[in-house]
C-alpha atoms as a PDB file:
ATOM      1  CA  MET A   1      79.561   0.298 148.444  1.00  0.00           C
ATOM      2  CA  ALA A   2      79.577   0.140 152.332  1.00  0.00           C
ATOM      3  CA  ALA A   3      83.122  -0.963 153.964  1.00  0.00           C
ATOM      4  CA  THR A   4      83.290  -4.202 155.731  1.00  0.00           C
ATOM      5  CA  VAL A   5      84.788  -4.627 159.233  1.00  0.00           C
ATOM      6  CA  SER A   6      86.251  -7.740 160.758  1.00  0.00           C
ATOM      7  CA  ILE A   7      88.433  -8.726 163.710  1.00  0.00           C
ATOM      8  CA  ASP A   8      90.591 -11.743 163.723  1.00  0.00           C
ATOM      9  CA  GLY A   9      93.969 -12.433 165.653  1.00  0.00           C
ATOM     10  CA  GLY A  10      93.969  -9.149 167.559  1.00  0.00           C
ATOM     11  CA  VAL A  11      93.647  -7.227 164.286  1.00  0.00           C
ATOM     12  CA  LEU A  12      90.667  -4.987 163.008  1.00  0.00           C
ATOM     13  CA  THR A  13      90.453  -4.821 159.111  1.00  0.00           C
ATOM     14  CA  VAL A  14      88.462  -2.491 157.336  1.00  0.00           C
ATOM     15  CA  VAL A  15      87.965  -3.569 153.746  1.00  0.00           C
ATOM     16  CA  MET A  16      86.988  -0.792 151.000  1.00  0.00           C
ATOM     17  CA  HIS A  17      84.919  -2.282 148.171  1.00  0.00           C
ATOM     18  CA  GLY A  18      84.364  -1.153 144.448  1.00  0.00           C
ATOM     19  CA  LEU A  19      85.398   2.350 143.492  1.00  0.00           C
ATOM     20  CA  ASP A  20      85.751   3.404 147.002  1.00  0.00           C
ATOM     21  CA  LYS A  21      89.254   1.670 146.723  1.00  0.00           C
ATOM     22  CA  LEU A  22      90.186   4.159 144.081  1.00  0.00           C
ATOM     23  CA  TRP A  23      88.459   7.161 145.712  1.00  0.00           C
ATOM     24  CA  SER A  24      90.085   6.437 149.155  1.00  0.00           C
ATOM     25  CA  MET A  25      93.291   5.471 147.693  1.00  0.00           C
ATOM     26  CA  LYS A  26      93.312   2.282 149.929  1.00  0.00           C
ATOM     27  CA  SER A  27      91.784  -1.141 149.593  1.00  0.00           C
ATOM     28  CA  GLN A  28      92.363  -2.172 153.118  1.00  0.00           C
ATOM     29  CA  LEU A  29      93.304  -0.866 156.703  1.00  0.00           C
ATOM     30  CA  ASP A  30      94.527  -3.236 159.341  1.00  0.00           C
ATOM     31  CA  VAL A  31      94.577  -1.695 162.999  1.00  0.00           C
ATOM     32  CA  PRO A  32      96.043  -3.568 165.990  1.00  0.00           C
ATOM     33  CA  LEU A  33      93.168  -4.124 168.501  1.00  0.00           C
ATOM     34  CA  ALA A  34      95.246  -2.832 171.084  1.00  0.00           C
ATOM     35  CA  HIS A  35      95.106   0.667 169.205  1.00  0.00           C
ATOM     36  CA  VAL A  36      91.093   0.620 169.118  1.00  0.00           C
ATOM     37  CA  ARG A  37      89.664   2.716 171.914  1.00  0.00           C
ATOM     38  CA  GLY A  38      85.968   2.436 170.935  1.00  0.00           C
ATOM     39  CA  ALA A  39      83.455   2.906 168.349  1.00  0.00           C
ATOM     40  CA  SER A  40      80.308   4.755 167.790  1.00  0.00           C
ATOM     41  CA  VAL A  41      77.647   5.331 165.514  1.00  0.00           C
ATOM     42  CA  ASP A  42      77.488   8.702 164.156  1.00  0.00           C
ATOM     43  CA  PRO A  43      75.520   9.981 161.274  1.00  0.00           C
ATOM     44  CA  SER A  44      75.860  13.577 161.772  1.00  0.00           C
ATOM     45  CA  ILE A  45      79.577  13.517 161.352  1.00  0.00           C
ATOM     46  CA  VAL A  46      79.204  13.950 157.758  1.00  0.00           C
ATOM     47  CA  HIS A  47      78.426  17.451 158.390  1.00  0.00           C
ATOM     48  CA  GLU A  48      81.636  18.415 160.263  1.00  0.00           C
ATOM     49  CA  SER A  49      84.594  19.861 159.025  1.00  0.00           C
ATOM     50  CA  LYS A  50      87.022  17.460 157.568  1.00  0.00           C
ATOM     51  CA  GLY A  51      90.300  19.312 157.259  1.00  0.00           C
ATOM     52  CA  TRP A  52      92.373  19.291 154.160  1.00  0.00           C
ATOM     53  CA  ARG A  53      92.321  16.214 151.734  1.00  0.00           C
ATOM     54  CA  GLY A  54      95.038  14.225 150.861  1.00  0.00           C
ATOM     55  CA  PRO A  55      95.295  11.980 149.130  1.00  0.00           C
ATOM     56  CA  GLY A  56      91.597  11.234 148.691  1.00  0.00           C
ATOM     57  CA  SER A  57      88.409  12.401 147.184  1.00  0.00           C
ATOM     58  CA  ASN A  58      85.824  14.700 148.558  1.00  0.00           C
ATOM     59  CA  VAL A  59      82.486  15.421 146.508  1.00  0.00           C
ATOM     60  CA  PRO A  60      79.993  16.821 149.290  1.00  0.00           C
ATOM     61  CA  GLY A  61      76.946  14.884 149.477  1.00  0.00           C
ATOM     62  CA  VAL A  62      78.333  12.161 147.373  1.00  0.00           C
ATOM     63  CA  ILE A  63      81.551  10.896 148.645  1.00  0.00           C
ATOM     64  CA  THR A  64      84.299  11.501 151.174  1.00  0.00           C
ATOM     65  CA  ALA A  65      87.293   9.068 151.016  1.00  0.00           C
ATOM     66  CA  GLY A  66      90.740   9.031 151.652  1.00  0.00           C
ATOM     67  CA  THR A  67      93.077  10.556 154.442  1.00  0.00           C
ATOM     68  CA  PHE A  68      92.106  13.927 155.661  1.00  0.00           C
ATOM     69  CA  HIS A  69      94.306  16.116 157.911  1.00  0.00           C
ATOM     70  CA  GLN A  70      92.524  18.138 160.628  1.00  0.00           C
ATOM     71  CA  HIS A  71      94.538  19.906 163.651  1.00  0.00           C
ATOM     72  CA  GLY A  72      97.540  17.974 163.190  1.00  0.00           C
ATOM     73  CA  GLU A  73      95.815  14.426 163.017  1.00  0.00           C
ATOM     74  CA  LEU A  74      94.900  11.990 160.365  1.00  0.00           C
ATOM     75  CA  ILE A  75      91.493  10.930 159.800  1.00  0.00           C
ATOM     76  CA  PHE A  76      90.571   8.146 157.184  1.00  0.00           C
ATOM     77  CA  TRP A  77      87.174   8.877 155.972  1.00  0.00           C
ATOM     78  CA  ASP A  78      85.003   6.403 153.558  1.00  0.00           C
ATOM     79  CA  VAL A  79      81.459   7.541 153.583  1.00  0.00           C
ATOM     80  CA  HIS A  80      78.897   8.137 151.020  1.00  0.00           C
ATOM     81  CA  ARG A  81      75.637   9.948 152.369  1.00  0.00           C
ATOM     82  CA  GLY A  82      76.584   9.168 156.111  1.00  0.00           C
ATOM     83  CA  ASP A  83      73.323   7.566 157.299  1.00  0.00           C
ATOM     84  CA  ASN A  84      75.404   4.311 158.235  1.00  0.00           C
ATOM     85  CA  ALA A  85      78.512   6.191 159.528  1.00  0.00           C
ATOM     86  CA  VAL A  86      80.713   4.804 162.289  1.00  0.00           C
ATOM     87  CA  VAL A  87      83.595   6.217 164.033  1.00  0.00           C
ATOM     88  CA  ILE A  88      86.276   4.136 165.192  1.00  0.00           C
ATOM     89  CA  GLU A  89      88.573   6.030 167.688  1.00  0.00           C
ATOM     90  CA  LEU A  90      92.352   4.928 167.640  1.00  0.00           C
ATOM     91  CA  GLY A  91      95.325   5.563 169.833  1.00  0.00           C
ATOM     92  CA  HIS A  92      98.996   4.990 169.275  1.00  0.00           C
ATOM     93  CA  ASP A  93      98.143   4.541 165.446  1.00  0.00           C
ATOM     94  CA  SER A  94      98.947   6.782 162.140  1.00  0.00           C
ATOM     95  CA  PHE A  95      95.201   7.317 162.043  1.00  0.00           C
ATOM     96  CA  GLU A  96      93.372   9.081 165.064  1.00  0.00           C
ATOM     97  CA  ARG A  97      89.879   7.943 163.591  1.00  0.00           C
ATOM     98  CA  LEU A  98      88.088   5.971 161.106  1.00  0.00           C
ATOM     99  CA  VAL A  99      84.963   7.219 159.740  1.00  0.00           C
ATOM    100  CA  ILE A 100      83.596   4.743 157.466  1.00  0.00           C
ATOM    101  CA  GLU A 101      80.123   3.754 156.157  1.00  0.00           C
ATOM    102  CA  VAL A 102      78.956   0.098 156.745  1.00  0.00           C
ATOM    103  CA  ASP A 103      75.752  -1.947 155.996  1.00  0.00           C
ATOM    104  CA  ASP A 104      74.791  -2.314 159.624  1.00  0.00           C
ATOM    105  CA  PRO A 105      76.494   0.231 161.985  1.00  0.00           C
ATOM    106  CA  LEU A 106      74.882  -1.066 165.162  1.00  0.00           C
ATOM    107  CA  ALA A 107      76.409  -4.666 164.698  1.00  0.00           C
ATOM    108  CA  THR A 108      79.789  -3.111 163.733  1.00  0.00           C
ATOM    109  CA  VAL A 109      79.971  -0.904 166.813  1.00  0.00           C
ATOM    110  CA  GLN A 110      79.116  -4.188 168.936  1.00  0.00           C
ATOM    111  CA  LEU A 111      81.536  -6.345 167.166  1.00  0.00           C
ATOM    112  CA  ILE A 112      84.349  -3.591 168.068  1.00  0.00           C
ATOM    113  CA  GLN A 113      82.974  -2.861 171.591  1.00  0.00           C
ATOM    114  CA  ARG A 114      82.864  -6.765 172.285  1.00  0.00           C
ATOM    115  CA  ALA A 115      86.519  -7.105 171.090  1.00  0.00           C
ATOM    116  CA  ILE A 116      87.715  -4.330 173.171  1.00  0.00           C
ATOM    117  CA  ALA A 117      86.025  -5.899 176.535  1.00  0.00           C
ATOM    118  CA  GLY A 118      87.354  -9.231 175.530  1.00  0.00           C
ATOM    119  CA  ARG A 119      90.863  -7.524 175.304  1.00  0.00           C
ATOM    120  CA  ALA A 120      90.427  -5.497 178.741  1.00  0.00           C
ATOM    121  CA  GLY A 121      89.073  -9.104 180.273  1.00  0.00           C
ATOM    122  CA  SER A 122      92.061 -11.162 179.083  1.00  0.00           C
ATOM    123  CA  ALA A 123      94.269  -8.292 180.541  1.00  0.00           C
ATOM    124  CA  ASP A 124      93.073  -8.876 183.969  1.00  0.00           C
ATOM    125  CA  ARG A 125      93.561 -12.658 184.098  1.00  0.00           C
END
């Protein structure tokens, strides 16, 4: 089941559903919007090296979920097939990236990009 993303009060929230909570060892991630650098749709990311898993699950072609360690960085994954994969780039956070599968990747990226643009616009005032 796909993750859901929402933004409220300057916090980006990713909620995992169903068994993904068990496989990823997390039910929800809350990230200050100030830590979000950007988001993109990237279905091909599922074919990239994940690094080493801990804690989480990885059954290639079925599910990649949980915390993965790669080149000294932590990356959170919650992806099944990857067709609707969204990559959320973070800075100054425990994770460098969140790679999640959502129902509507374009709408999710637009939501995040609008929130980032709004954050930048409010800093100019």
